[in-house]
N, C-alpha and C. Protein backbone atom coordinates (compact mmCIF):
# COMPACT_ATOMS: atom_id res chain seq x y z
N MET A 1 18.38 -15.89 -8.23
CA MET A 1 17.53 -16.31 -7.12
C MET A 1 16.74 -15.13 -6.55
N THR A 2 17.41 -13.98 -6.43
CA THR A 2 16.75 -12.80 -5.89
C THR A 2 15.57 -12.38 -6.78
N LEU A 3 15.77 -12.45 -8.09
CA LEU A 3 14.71 -12.12 -9.03
C LEU A 3 13.51 -13.04 -8.86
N LEU A 4 13.77 -14.31 -8.67
CA LEU A 4 12.70 -15.28 -8.47
C LEU A 4 11.94 -14.99 -7.16
N LEU A 5 12.66 -14.66 -6.10
CA LEU A 5 12.02 -14.33 -4.82
C LEU A 5 11.14 -13.10 -4.95
N ALA A 6 11.64 -12.08 -5.63
CA ALA A 6 10.86 -10.86 -5.83
C ALA A 6 9.59 -11.15 -6.63
N GLY A 7 9.73 -11.95 -7.67
CA GLY A 7 8.58 -12.30 -8.50
C GLY A 7 7.53 -13.12 -7.76
N LEU A 8 7.97 -14.09 -6.99
CA LEU A 8 7.03 -14.90 -6.20
C LEU A 8 6.34 -14.04 -5.14
N GLY A 9 7.11 -13.18 -4.51
CA GLY A 9 6.53 -12.28 -3.51
C GLY A 9 5.50 -11.35 -4.12
N ALA A 10 5.82 -10.81 -5.30
CA ALA A 10 4.89 -9.89 -5.97
C ALA A 10 3.58 -10.60 -6.31
N ALA A 11 3.67 -11.84 -6.74
CA ALA A 11 2.45 -12.60 -7.05
C ALA A 11 1.59 -12.76 -5.79
N LEU A 12 2.22 -13.10 -4.69
CA LEU A 12 1.49 -13.27 -3.44
C LEU A 12 0.87 -11.94 -2.98
N GLY A 13 1.67 -10.87 -3.01
CA GLY A 13 1.16 -9.56 -2.59
C GLY A 13 0.00 -9.09 -3.46
N SER A 14 0.07 -9.35 -4.76
CA SER A 14 -1.00 -8.96 -5.67
C SER A 14 -2.29 -9.72 -5.39
N LEU A 15 -2.16 -10.99 -5.06
CA LEU A 15 -3.34 -11.79 -4.72
C LEU A 15 -4.03 -11.26 -3.46
N VAL A 16 -3.23 -10.92 -2.46
CA VAL A 16 -3.80 -10.37 -1.22
C VAL A 16 -4.48 -9.04 -1.49
N ARG A 17 -3.82 -8.18 -2.29
CA ARG A 17 -4.42 -6.88 -2.64
C ARG A 17 -5.73 -7.08 -3.39
N TYR A 18 -5.76 -8.01 -4.34
CA TYR A 18 -6.97 -8.29 -5.11
C TYR A 18 -8.12 -8.70 -4.19
N TRP A 19 -7.83 -9.59 -3.26
CA TRP A 19 -8.85 -10.06 -2.33
C TRP A 19 -9.35 -8.92 -1.46
N LEU A 20 -8.43 -8.13 -0.89
CA LEU A 20 -8.84 -7.01 -0.03
C LEU A 20 -9.62 -5.94 -0.79
N THR A 21 -9.22 -5.69 -2.03
CA THR A 21 -9.93 -4.69 -2.84
C THR A 21 -11.36 -5.16 -3.10
N ASN A 22 -11.54 -6.41 -3.47
CA ASN A 22 -12.90 -6.92 -3.71
C ASN A 22 -13.72 -6.96 -2.43
N TYR A 23 -13.10 -7.33 -1.33
CA TYR A 23 -13.79 -7.31 -0.04
C TYR A 23 -14.23 -5.88 0.29
N GLY A 24 -13.34 -4.93 0.08
CA GLY A 24 -13.65 -3.53 0.36
C GLY A 24 -14.78 -2.99 -0.49
N LYS A 25 -14.81 -3.36 -1.75
CA LYS A 25 -15.88 -2.90 -2.64
C LYS A 25 -17.24 -3.41 -2.20
N LYS A 26 -17.28 -4.59 -1.60
CA LYS A 26 -18.53 -5.18 -1.14
C LYS A 26 -18.98 -4.65 0.21
N HIS A 27 -18.02 -4.29 1.08
CA HIS A 27 -18.35 -3.96 2.46
C HIS A 27 -18.19 -2.48 2.84
N PHE A 28 -17.49 -1.71 2.03
CA PHE A 28 -17.30 -0.29 2.31
C PHE A 28 -17.94 0.52 1.19
N THR A 29 -19.02 1.19 1.50
CA THR A 29 -19.74 1.91 0.45
C THR A 29 -19.49 3.42 0.48
N GLN A 30 -18.53 3.87 1.28
CA GLN A 30 -18.24 5.29 1.34
C GLN A 30 -17.63 5.76 0.02
N ASN A 31 -17.67 7.07 -0.17
CA ASN A 31 -17.06 7.69 -1.34
C ASN A 31 -15.54 7.56 -1.29
N LEU A 32 -14.99 7.46 -0.08
CA LEU A 32 -13.56 7.32 0.12
C LEU A 32 -13.13 5.88 -0.20
N PRO A 33 -12.12 5.68 -1.04
CA PRO A 33 -11.65 4.33 -1.37
C PRO A 33 -10.92 3.69 -0.18
N VAL A 34 -11.66 3.16 0.75
CA VAL A 34 -11.13 2.65 2.02
C VAL A 34 -10.17 1.49 1.79
N ALA A 35 -10.51 0.57 0.92
CA ALA A 35 -9.66 -0.61 0.71
C ALA A 35 -8.26 -0.20 0.25
N THR A 36 -8.17 0.66 -0.74
CA THR A 36 -6.87 1.09 -1.24
C THR A 36 -6.11 1.86 -0.17
N LEU A 37 -6.82 2.67 0.59
CA LEU A 37 -6.18 3.43 1.66
C LEU A 37 -5.57 2.49 2.70
N VAL A 38 -6.34 1.51 3.13
CA VAL A 38 -5.85 0.55 4.13
C VAL A 38 -4.67 -0.25 3.57
N ILE A 39 -4.77 -0.68 2.34
CA ILE A 39 -3.69 -1.44 1.70
C ILE A 39 -2.41 -0.62 1.66
N ASN A 40 -2.50 0.60 1.15
CA ASN A 40 -1.29 1.41 1.00
C ASN A 40 -0.70 1.84 2.33
N LEU A 41 -1.54 2.20 3.30
CA LEU A 41 -1.00 2.62 4.59
C LEU A 41 -0.40 1.45 5.36
N SER A 42 -1.05 0.30 5.33
CA SER A 42 -0.47 -0.86 6.02
C SER A 42 0.81 -1.31 5.32
N GLY A 43 0.85 -1.22 4.00
CA GLY A 43 2.06 -1.57 3.26
C GLY A 43 3.21 -0.63 3.57
N ALA A 44 2.91 0.66 3.70
CA ALA A 44 3.95 1.64 4.05
C ALA A 44 4.53 1.33 5.43
N PHE A 45 3.66 1.04 6.38
CA PHE A 45 4.11 0.71 7.73
C PHE A 45 4.98 -0.55 7.72
N LEU A 46 4.50 -1.60 7.06
CA LEU A 46 5.25 -2.86 7.03
C LEU A 46 6.58 -2.71 6.31
N LEU A 47 6.62 -1.91 5.26
CA LEU A 47 7.88 -1.69 4.55
C LEU A 47 8.87 -0.94 5.44
N GLY A 48 8.38 0.05 6.18
CA GLY A 48 9.24 0.75 7.12
C GLY A 48 9.77 -0.18 8.19
N LEU A 49 8.91 -1.05 8.70
CA LEU A 49 9.30 -2.03 9.71
C LEU A 49 10.38 -2.97 9.17
N LEU A 50 10.18 -3.46 7.96
CA LEU A 50 11.13 -4.36 7.33
C LEU A 50 12.46 -3.67 7.08
N PHE A 51 12.41 -2.46 6.55
CA PHE A 51 13.63 -1.71 6.24
C PHE A 51 14.37 -1.33 7.52
N GLY A 52 13.63 -0.92 8.53
CA GLY A 52 14.24 -0.55 9.80
C GLY A 52 14.87 -1.73 10.50
N GLY A 53 14.34 -2.91 10.26
CA GLY A 53 14.87 -4.12 10.88
C GLY A 53 16.12 -4.64 10.21
N GLY A 54 16.54 -3.99 9.15
CA GLY A 54 17.76 -4.40 8.47
C GLY A 54 17.67 -5.78 7.84
N ALA A 55 16.59 -6.03 7.12
CA ALA A 55 16.39 -7.34 6.49
C ALA A 55 17.53 -7.66 5.51
N LYS A 56 17.90 -8.91 5.47
CA LYS A 56 18.91 -9.39 4.52
C LYS A 56 18.40 -9.16 3.10
N PRO A 57 19.31 -8.98 2.13
CA PRO A 57 18.88 -8.68 0.75
C PRO A 57 17.87 -9.68 0.17
N TYR A 58 18.04 -10.97 0.39
CA TYR A 58 17.11 -11.95 -0.17
C TYR A 58 15.73 -11.84 0.49
N LEU A 59 15.70 -11.53 1.80
CA LEU A 59 14.43 -11.37 2.50
C LEU A 59 13.74 -10.08 2.07
N TYR A 60 14.53 -9.03 1.88
CA TYR A 60 13.96 -7.76 1.42
C TYR A 60 13.42 -7.92 -0.01
N ALA A 61 14.12 -8.69 -0.85
CA ALA A 61 13.62 -8.93 -2.22
C ALA A 61 12.28 -9.64 -2.19
N LEU A 62 12.17 -10.64 -1.32
CA LEU A 62 10.92 -11.40 -1.22
C LEU A 62 9.80 -10.57 -0.62
N LEU A 63 10.05 -9.98 0.55
CA LEU A 63 8.99 -9.29 1.28
C LEU A 63 8.82 -7.83 0.90
N GLY A 64 9.92 -7.09 0.80
CA GLY A 64 9.83 -5.65 0.50
C GLY A 64 9.49 -5.37 -0.95
N THR A 65 10.40 -5.77 -1.83
CA THR A 65 10.18 -5.56 -3.26
C THR A 65 9.03 -6.41 -3.78
N GLY A 66 9.01 -7.67 -3.37
CA GLY A 66 8.01 -8.60 -3.88
C GLY A 66 6.64 -8.44 -3.27
N VAL A 67 6.46 -8.97 -2.06
CA VAL A 67 5.13 -8.99 -1.44
C VAL A 67 4.57 -7.58 -1.29
N LEU A 68 5.32 -6.68 -0.68
CA LEU A 68 4.77 -5.34 -0.44
C LEU A 68 4.69 -4.50 -1.71
N GLY A 69 5.60 -4.77 -2.66
CA GLY A 69 5.50 -4.10 -3.96
C GLY A 69 4.25 -4.52 -4.72
N GLY A 70 3.90 -5.81 -4.63
CA GLY A 70 2.69 -6.30 -5.28
C GLY A 70 1.43 -5.94 -4.50
N TYR A 71 1.58 -5.80 -3.21
CA TYR A 71 0.45 -5.52 -2.32
C TYR A 71 -0.01 -4.06 -2.42
N THR A 72 0.94 -3.14 -2.38
CA THR A 72 0.57 -1.72 -2.44
C THR A 72 0.33 -1.31 -3.88
N THR A 73 -0.36 -0.19 -4.05
CA THR A 73 -0.72 0.22 -5.40
C THR A 73 -0.78 1.73 -5.54
N PHE A 74 0.30 2.27 -6.06
CA PHE A 74 0.38 3.71 -6.30
C PHE A 74 -0.50 4.11 -7.48
N SER A 75 -0.56 3.27 -8.49
CA SER A 75 -1.35 3.61 -9.68
C SER A 75 -2.85 3.65 -9.38
N THR A 76 -3.34 2.70 -8.60
CA THR A 76 -4.76 2.72 -8.24
C THR A 76 -5.10 3.94 -7.40
N LEU A 77 -4.23 4.28 -6.47
CA LEU A 77 -4.41 5.48 -5.65
C LEU A 77 -4.60 6.70 -6.54
N ASN A 78 -3.71 6.88 -7.48
CA ASN A 78 -3.79 8.07 -8.34
C ASN A 78 -4.98 8.03 -9.29
N THR A 79 -5.35 6.85 -9.77
CA THR A 79 -6.54 6.73 -10.61
C THR A 79 -7.79 7.10 -9.81
N GLU A 80 -7.86 6.64 -8.56
CA GLU A 80 -9.00 6.98 -7.71
C GLU A 80 -9.04 8.48 -7.39
N LEU A 81 -7.87 9.07 -7.21
CA LEU A 81 -7.83 10.52 -6.97
C LEU A 81 -8.35 11.29 -8.19
N VAL A 82 -7.95 10.89 -9.37
CA VAL A 82 -8.43 11.54 -10.60
C VAL A 82 -9.94 11.37 -10.71
N ALA A 83 -10.46 10.19 -10.41
CA ALA A 83 -11.91 9.95 -10.48
C ALA A 83 -12.65 10.83 -9.48
N LEU A 84 -12.13 10.96 -8.29
CA LEU A 84 -12.77 11.84 -7.29
C LEU A 84 -12.80 13.28 -7.78
N TRP A 85 -11.71 13.73 -8.37
CA TRP A 85 -11.64 15.10 -8.87
C TRP A 85 -12.65 15.31 -10.01
N HIS A 86 -12.71 14.37 -10.94
CA HIS A 86 -13.64 14.50 -12.07
C HIS A 86 -15.10 14.40 -11.63
N ASN A 87 -15.35 13.73 -10.51
CA ASN A 87 -16.70 13.65 -9.97
C ASN A 87 -17.03 14.82 -9.05
N HIS A 88 -16.15 15.80 -9.01
CA HIS A 88 -16.32 17.00 -8.19
C HIS A 88 -16.42 16.69 -6.70
N SER A 89 -15.79 15.59 -6.28
CA SER A 89 -15.73 15.23 -4.86
C SER A 89 -14.43 15.79 -4.28
N TYR A 90 -14.35 17.12 -4.28
CA TYR A 90 -13.11 17.79 -3.92
C TYR A 90 -12.70 17.55 -2.46
N LYS A 91 -13.67 17.56 -1.57
CA LYS A 91 -13.35 17.34 -0.16
C LYS A 91 -12.78 15.93 0.04
N THR A 92 -13.43 14.94 -0.55
CA THR A 92 -12.96 13.56 -0.45
C THR A 92 -11.60 13.42 -1.13
N PHE A 93 -11.41 14.10 -2.25
CA PHE A 93 -10.13 14.09 -2.95
C PHE A 93 -9.01 14.52 -2.01
N TRP A 94 -9.18 15.66 -1.35
CA TRP A 94 -8.12 16.19 -0.47
C TRP A 94 -7.91 15.32 0.76
N ILE A 95 -8.99 14.81 1.33
CA ILE A 95 -8.87 13.92 2.50
C ILE A 95 -8.08 12.67 2.10
N TYR A 96 -8.46 12.07 0.98
CA TYR A 96 -7.81 10.85 0.52
C TYR A 96 -6.34 11.10 0.17
N ALA A 97 -6.06 12.19 -0.51
CA ALA A 97 -4.68 12.51 -0.89
C ALA A 97 -3.81 12.73 0.35
N LEU A 98 -4.32 13.51 1.29
CA LEU A 98 -3.53 13.78 2.50
C LEU A 98 -3.34 12.53 3.36
N LEU A 99 -4.41 11.77 3.54
CA LEU A 99 -4.29 10.53 4.32
C LEU A 99 -3.32 9.57 3.66
N SER A 100 -3.36 9.47 2.34
CA SER A 100 -2.52 8.53 1.63
C SER A 100 -1.05 8.94 1.63
N TYR A 101 -0.79 10.15 1.18
CA TYR A 101 0.61 10.57 1.03
C TYR A 101 1.26 10.91 2.37
N LEU A 102 0.61 11.75 3.14
CA LEU A 102 1.18 12.12 4.44
C LEU A 102 1.14 10.94 5.41
N GLY A 103 0.03 10.23 5.42
CA GLY A 103 -0.09 9.05 6.28
C GLY A 103 0.93 7.99 5.92
N GLY A 104 1.18 7.79 4.64
CA GLY A 104 2.16 6.82 4.20
C GLY A 104 3.57 7.16 4.68
N ILE A 105 3.94 8.42 4.55
CA ILE A 105 5.27 8.85 5.00
C ILE A 105 5.40 8.68 6.51
N ILE A 106 4.38 9.08 7.24
CA ILE A 106 4.42 8.97 8.70
C ILE A 106 4.52 7.50 9.12
N LEU A 107 3.75 6.63 8.48
CA LEU A 107 3.76 5.21 8.84
C LEU A 107 5.07 4.52 8.46
N VAL A 108 5.72 4.94 7.38
CA VAL A 108 7.04 4.39 7.07
C VAL A 108 8.02 4.75 8.18
N PHE A 109 7.99 6.01 8.62
CA PHE A 109 8.88 6.44 9.71
C PHE A 109 8.59 5.68 11.00
N ILE A 110 7.32 5.51 11.32
CA ILE A 110 6.97 4.77 12.54
C ILE A 110 7.45 3.32 12.44
N GLY A 111 7.15 2.68 11.32
CA GLY A 111 7.60 1.30 11.12
C GLY A 111 9.11 1.18 11.17
N PHE A 112 9.80 2.11 10.52
CA PHE A 112 11.26 2.10 10.51
C PHE A 112 11.81 2.18 11.94
N ASN A 113 11.27 3.10 12.72
CA ASN A 113 11.76 3.28 14.09
C ASN A 113 11.41 2.11 15.00
N LEU A 114 10.28 1.49 14.78
CA LEU A 114 9.92 0.30 15.56
C LEU A 114 10.78 -0.90 15.17
N GLY A 115 11.20 -0.95 13.92
CA GLY A 115 12.00 -2.07 13.44
C GLY A 115 13.45 -2.02 13.86
N ARG A 116 13.90 -0.85 14.29
CA ARG A 116 15.33 -0.68 14.65
C ARG A 116 15.67 -1.33 15.95
């Protein structure tokens, strides 16, 4: 049952990410990948909130592993970082990397503490 919940959640999270990514590509024309940044930072915060709240294993499988696992995207983040580096957008590369990694850690801690 837990496997099924995680899988259903991942499908839902992936659909939301797909929609937000396409929306971002149409409405945000900056060099900074805003859609992926917003997705990953909001996912980090929500995961911290869920984990801090002591969610039951089945709920964590559905929402944490499933929805938020499908919603956030570590691989896209790193692919975009490589593209920025190859395009010699070094300033944007460092801003995006710091906002993503440091911001993600900070938001998990904030979410965790708010969820307690």
